[in-house]
Amino acid sequence: MDILTPYLELLSPDVYVCTHLPEGYPEKLPIVRVYRGGGGEDYDNRVDWSAVQVGAFCETRADAWELVEYCRQMLLSLRHGGRVERADGSITVVKSVSEMVGPQILAELDPEVRFVPMTFRVECAKPHGSPNYVTIREQLNP
């Protein structure tokens, strides 16, 4: 979510960005929902990867496609990595972003709201200074 929020704020202050839809969400459109799904750690390369679903909820299908395409291109601009400043001032080092599932049209519970999701593989570097558990384990079991 932190990767997209600054770019969505530039696009429009009216876009609501969340992980979980708020109560009465149809009144808060447009919404971009960012949800981190499963993933894993590539220990040898010090990378944490995850499948991240990004979806746009809008009043019209055209608006949903336009908003999700903007998100898509902003994420893919990090396909070779980059640094992202988070809201708290910390930096996340993105190693790569790749598209796993492109935009799709799914039926939502509310047919008046158009939802277009897509899924990306996002790889982030483990933060410097993260504990080295091999060393810790070896120290605990001499």
C-alpha atoms as a PDB file:
ATOM      1  CA  MET A   1       0.000   0.000   0.000  1.00  0.00           C
ATOM      2  CA  ASP A   2       2.862   2.361   0.831  1.00  0.00           C
ATOM      3  CA  ILE A   3       4.247   1.946  -2.675  1.00  0.00           C
ATOM      4  CA  LEU A   4       1.095   3.273  -4.350  1.00  0.00           C
ATOM      5  CA  THR A   5      -0.254   5.832  -1.890  1.00  0.00           C
ATOM      6  CA  PRO A   6       2.051   8.757  -2.821  1.00  0.00           C
ATOM      7  CA  TYR A   7       1.284   8.320  -6.525  1.00  0.00           C
ATOM      8  CA  LEU A   8      -2.456   8.049  -5.937  1.00  0.00           C
ATOM      9  CA  GLU A   9      -2.368  11.241  -3.859  1.00  0.00           C
ATOM     10  CA  LEU A  10      -0.787  12.988  -6.856  1.00  0.00           C
ATOM     11  CA  LEU A  11      -3.527  11.654  -9.117  1.00  0.00           C
ATOM     12  CA  SER A  12      -6.409  12.680  -6.871  1.00  0.00           C
ATOM     13  CA  PRO A  13      -6.901  13.328  -3.163  1.00  0.00           C
ATOM     14  CA  ASP A  14     -10.309  11.649  -3.513  1.00  0.00           C
ATOM     15  CA  VAL A  15      -8.975   8.111  -4.056  1.00  0.00           C
ATOM     16  CA  TYR A  16      -9.415   6.092  -0.850  1.00  0.00           C
ATOM     17  CA  VAL A  17      -6.567   3.577  -0.378  1.00  0.00           C
ATOM     18  CA  CYS A  18      -7.078   0.655   2.010  1.00  0.00           C
ATOM     19  CA  THR A  19      -6.422  -2.985   2.782  1.00  0.00           C
ATOM     20  CA  HIS A  20      -9.931  -3.767   4.014  1.00  0.00           C
ATOM     21  CA  LEU A  21     -13.026  -2.137   2.570  1.00  0.00           C
ATOM     22  CA  PRO A  22     -14.623   0.334   4.972  1.00  0.00           C
ATOM     23  CA  GLU A  23     -18.232   0.084   6.055  1.00  0.00           C
ATOM     24  CA  GLY A  24     -20.504   1.683   3.502  1.00  0.00           C
ATOM     25  CA  TYR A  25     -17.715   1.538   0.942  1.00  0.00           C
ATOM     26  CA  PRO A  26     -19.922   2.269  -2.088  1.00  0.00           C
ATOM     27  CA  GLU A  27     -20.266   5.826  -0.782  1.00  0.00           C
ATOM     28  CA  LYS A  28     -16.452   6.227  -0.644  1.00  0.00           C
ATOM     29  CA  LEU A  29     -15.636   5.476  -4.285  1.00  0.00           C
ATOM     30  CA  PRO A  30     -13.154   5.500  -5.920  1.00  0.00           C
ATOM     31  CA  ILE A  31     -11.221   3.004  -3.805  1.00  0.00           C
ATOM     32  CA  VAL A  32      -7.922   1.222  -4.396  1.00  0.00           C
ATOM     33  CA  ARG A  33      -7.579  -1.879  -2.243  1.00  0.00           C
ATOM     34  CA  VAL A  34      -4.089  -3.291  -1.758  1.00  0.00           C
ATOM     35  CA  TYR A  35      -3.899  -6.750  -0.210  1.00  0.00           C
ATOM     36  CA  ARG A  36      -0.729  -8.712   0.504  1.00  0.00           C
ATOM     37  CA  GLY A  37      -1.325 -12.386  -0.051  1.00  0.00           C
ATOM     38  CA  GLY A  38       1.059 -15.273   0.358  1.00  0.00           C
ATOM     39  CA  GLY A  39       4.730 -15.087  -0.322  1.00  0.00           C
ATOM     40  CA  GLY A  40       7.969 -16.170   1.195  1.00  0.00           C
ATOM     41  CA  GLU A  41      11.542 -15.386   1.970  1.00  0.00           C
ATOM     42  CA  ASP A  42      14.503 -15.970  -0.302  1.00  0.00           C
ATOM     43  CA  TYR A  43      16.974 -16.304   2.553  1.00  0.00           C
ATOM     44  CA  ASP A  44      20.118 -16.565   0.424  1.00  0.00           C
ATOM     45  CA  ASN A  45      19.335 -13.360  -1.473  1.00  0.00           C
ATOM     46  CA  ARG A  46      17.864 -11.545   1.578  1.00  0.00           C
ATOM     47  CA  VAL A  47      14.610 -10.891  -0.254  1.00  0.00           C
ATOM     48  CA  ASP A  48      11.030 -11.063   1.017  1.00  0.00           C
ATOM     49  CA  TRP A  49       8.528 -11.599  -1.780  1.00  0.00           C
ATOM     50  CA  SER A  50       4.751 -11.568  -1.813  1.00  0.00           C
ATOM     51  CA  ALA A  51       1.771 -11.734  -4.111  1.00  0.00           C
ATOM     52  CA  VAL A  52       0.040  -8.360  -3.864  1.00  0.00           C
ATOM     53  CA  GLN A  53      -3.468  -7.862  -5.198  1.00  0.00           C
ATOM     54  CA  VAL A  54      -4.356  -4.335  -6.251  1.00  0.00           C
ATOM     55  CA  GLY A  55      -7.968  -3.647  -7.139  1.00  0.00           C
ATOM     56  CA  ALA A  56      -9.942  -0.582  -8.131  1.00  0.00           C
ATOM     57  CA  PHE A  57     -13.549  -0.088  -7.029  1.00  0.00           C
ATOM     58  CA  CYS A  58     -15.380   2.580  -9.028  1.00  0.00           C
ATOM     59  CA  GLU A  59     -18.880   3.539 -10.121  1.00  0.00           C
ATOM     60  CA  THR A  60     -18.210   2.664 -13.754  1.00  0.00           C
ATOM     61  CA  ARG A  61     -16.181  -0.038 -15.434  1.00  0.00           C
ATOM     62  CA  ALA A  62     -14.337   2.594 -17.486  1.00  0.00           C
ATOM     63  CA  ASP A  63     -13.279   4.451 -14.325  1.00  0.00           C
ATOM     64  CA  ALA A  64     -12.152   1.209 -12.666  1.00  0.00           C
ATOM     65  CA  TRP A  65     -10.048   0.262 -15.694  1.00  0.00           C
ATOM     66  CA  GLU A  66      -8.488   3.721 -15.876  1.00  0.00           C
ATOM     67  CA  LEU A  67      -7.599   3.746 -12.179  1.00  0.00           C
ATOM     68  CA  VAL A  68      -6.248   0.194 -12.132  1.00  0.00           C
ATOM     69  CA  GLU A  69      -4.157   0.886 -15.254  1.00  0.00           C
ATOM     70  CA  TYR A  70      -2.582   3.881 -13.507  1.00  0.00           C
ATOM     71  CA  CYS A  71      -1.731   1.654 -10.523  1.00  0.00           C
ATOM     72  CA  ARG A  72      -0.411  -1.016 -12.864  1.00  0.00           C
ATOM     73  CA  GLN A  73       1.991   1.321 -14.628  1.00  0.00           C
ATOM     74  CA  MET A  74       3.213   2.881 -11.365  1.00  0.00           C
ATOM     75  CA  LEU A  75       3.983  -0.581  -9.962  1.00  0.00           C
ATOM     76  CA  LEU A  76       5.618  -1.781 -13.170  1.00  0.00           C
ATOM     77  CA  SER A  77       7.835   1.312 -13.128  1.00  0.00           C
ATOM     78  CA  LEU A  78       9.546  -0.532 -10.240  1.00  0.00           C
ATOM     79  CA  ARG A  79      10.127  -3.701 -12.281  1.00  0.00           C
ATOM     80  CA  HIS A  80      13.897  -3.188 -11.963  1.00  0.00           C
ATOM     81  CA  GLY A  81      13.640  -1.981  -8.379  1.00  0.00           C
ATOM     82  CA  GLY A  82      13.746   1.325  -6.586  1.00  0.00           C
ATOM     83  CA  ARG A  83      13.481   3.027  -3.236  1.00  0.00           C
ATOM     84  CA  VAL A  84      10.069   3.933  -1.819  1.00  0.00           C
ATOM     85  CA  GLU A  85       9.639   6.348   1.068  1.00  0.00           C
ATOM     86  CA  ARG A  86       6.875   5.242   3.426  1.00  0.00           C
ATOM     87  CA  ALA A  87       4.493   7.516   5.318  1.00  0.00           C
ATOM     88  CA  ASP A  88       6.601   7.177   8.488  1.00  0.00           C
ATOM     89  CA  GLY A  89       9.757   8.305   6.646  1.00  0.00           C
ATOM     90  CA  SER A  90      11.347   4.846   6.477  1.00  0.00           C
ATOM     91  CA  ILE A  91      12.583   3.518   3.153  1.00  0.00           C
ATOM     92  CA  THR A  92      11.554   0.252   1.521  1.00  0.00           C
ATOM     93  CA  VAL A  93      13.977  -1.081  -1.077  1.00  0.00           C
ATOM     94  CA  VAL A  94      11.982  -2.754  -3.834  1.00  0.00           C
ATOM     95  CA  LYS A  95      14.103  -5.267  -5.745  1.00  0.00           C
ATOM     96  CA  SER A  96      11.540  -6.006  -8.465  1.00  0.00           C
ATOM     97  CA  VAL A  97       7.870  -5.971  -9.394  1.00  0.00           C
ATOM     98  CA  SER A  98       6.321  -8.284 -11.978  1.00  0.00           C
ATOM     99  CA  GLU A  99       2.749  -8.860 -13.038  1.00  0.00           C
ATOM    100  CA  MET A 100       1.338 -12.282 -12.155  1.00  0.00           C
ATOM    101  CA  VAL A 101      -2.297 -11.734 -13.212  1.00  0.00           C
ATOM    102  CA  GLY A 102      -3.347  -8.749 -15.282  1.00  0.00           C
ATOM    103  CA  PRO A 103      -6.530  -6.738 -14.811  1.00  0.00           C
ATOM    104  CA  GLN A 104      -9.699  -8.823 -14.774  1.00  0.00           C
ATOM    105  CA  ILE A 105     -13.393  -8.203 -14.386  1.00  0.00           C
ATOM    106  CA  LEU A 106     -14.939  -9.984 -11.420  1.00  0.00           C
ATOM    107  CA  ALA A 107     -18.516  -9.922 -10.219  1.00  0.00           C
ATOM    108  CA  GLU A 108     -18.822  -8.250  -6.818  1.00  0.00           C
ATOM    109  CA  LEU A 109     -21.649  -8.577  -4.343  1.00  0.00           C
ATOM    110  CA  ASP A 110     -22.836  -5.087  -5.287  1.00  0.00           C
ATOM    111  CA  PRO A 111     -23.431  -5.010  -9.068  1.00  0.00           C
ATOM    112  CA  GLU A 112     -23.461  -1.197  -8.988  1.00  0.00           C
ATOM    113  CA  VAL A 113     -19.776  -1.145  -8.022  1.00  0.00           C
ATOM    114  CA  ARG A 114     -17.202  -2.145 -10.626  1.00  0.00           C
ATOM    115  CA  PHE A 115     -14.169  -4.026  -9.304  1.00  0.00           C
ATOM    116  CA  VAL A 116     -11.048  -4.664 -11.389  1.00  0.00           C
ATOM    117  CA  PRO A 117      -8.199  -6.535  -9.614  1.00  0.00           C
ATOM    118  CA  MET A 118      -4.717  -7.593 -10.696  1.00  0.00           C
ATOM    119  CA  THR A 119      -1.904  -9.396  -8.894  1.00  0.00           C
ATOM    120  CA  PHE A 120       1.815  -8.634  -8.743  1.00  0.00           C
ATOM    121  CA  ARG A 121       4.879 -10.339  -7.367  1.00  0.00           C
ATOM    122  CA  VAL A 122       6.677  -7.725  -5.276  1.00  0.00           C
ATOM    123  CA  GLU A 123      10.196  -8.455  -4.019  1.00  0.00           C
ATOM    124  CA  CYS A 124      11.649  -6.258  -1.276  1.00  0.00           C
ATOM    125  CA  ALA A 125      15.114  -6.334   0.244  1.00  0.00           C
ATOM    126  CA  LYS A 126      15.308  -7.416   3.850  1.00  0.00           C
ATOM    127  CA  PRO A 127      16.135  -4.338   5.945  1.00  0.00           C
ATOM    128  CA  HIS A 128      19.802  -3.781   6.792  1.00  0.00           C
ATOM    129  CA  GLY A 129      20.450  -4.737  10.362  1.00  0.00           C
ATOM    130  CA  SER A 130      17.894  -7.554  10.326  1.00  0.00           C
ATOM    131  CA  PRO A 131      18.917 -10.338  12.701  1.00  0.00           C
ATOM    132  CA  ASN A 132      21.034 -13.123  11.234  1.00  0.00           C
ATOM    133  CA  TYR A 133      19.298 -16.168  12.656  1.00  0.00           C
ATOM    134  CA  VAL A 134      22.012 -18.568  11.537  1.00  0.00           C
ATOM    135  CA  THR A 135      24.440 -16.724  13.801  1.00  0.00           C
ATOM    136  CA  ILE A 136      21.872 -16.525  16.606  1.00  0.00           C
ATOM    137  CA  ARG A 137      21.127 -20.255  16.363  1.00  0.00           C
ATOM    138  CA  GLU A 138      24.834 -21.110  16.385  1.00  0.00           C
ATOM    139  CA  GLN A 139      25.370 -18.936  19.464  1.00  0.00           C
ATOM    140  CA  LEU A 140      22.469 -20.618  21.262  1.00  0.00           C
ATOM    141  CA  ASN A 141      23.684 -24.125  20.398  1.00  0.00           C
ATOM    142  CA  PRO A 142      27.502 -24.079  20.678  1.00  0.00           C
END
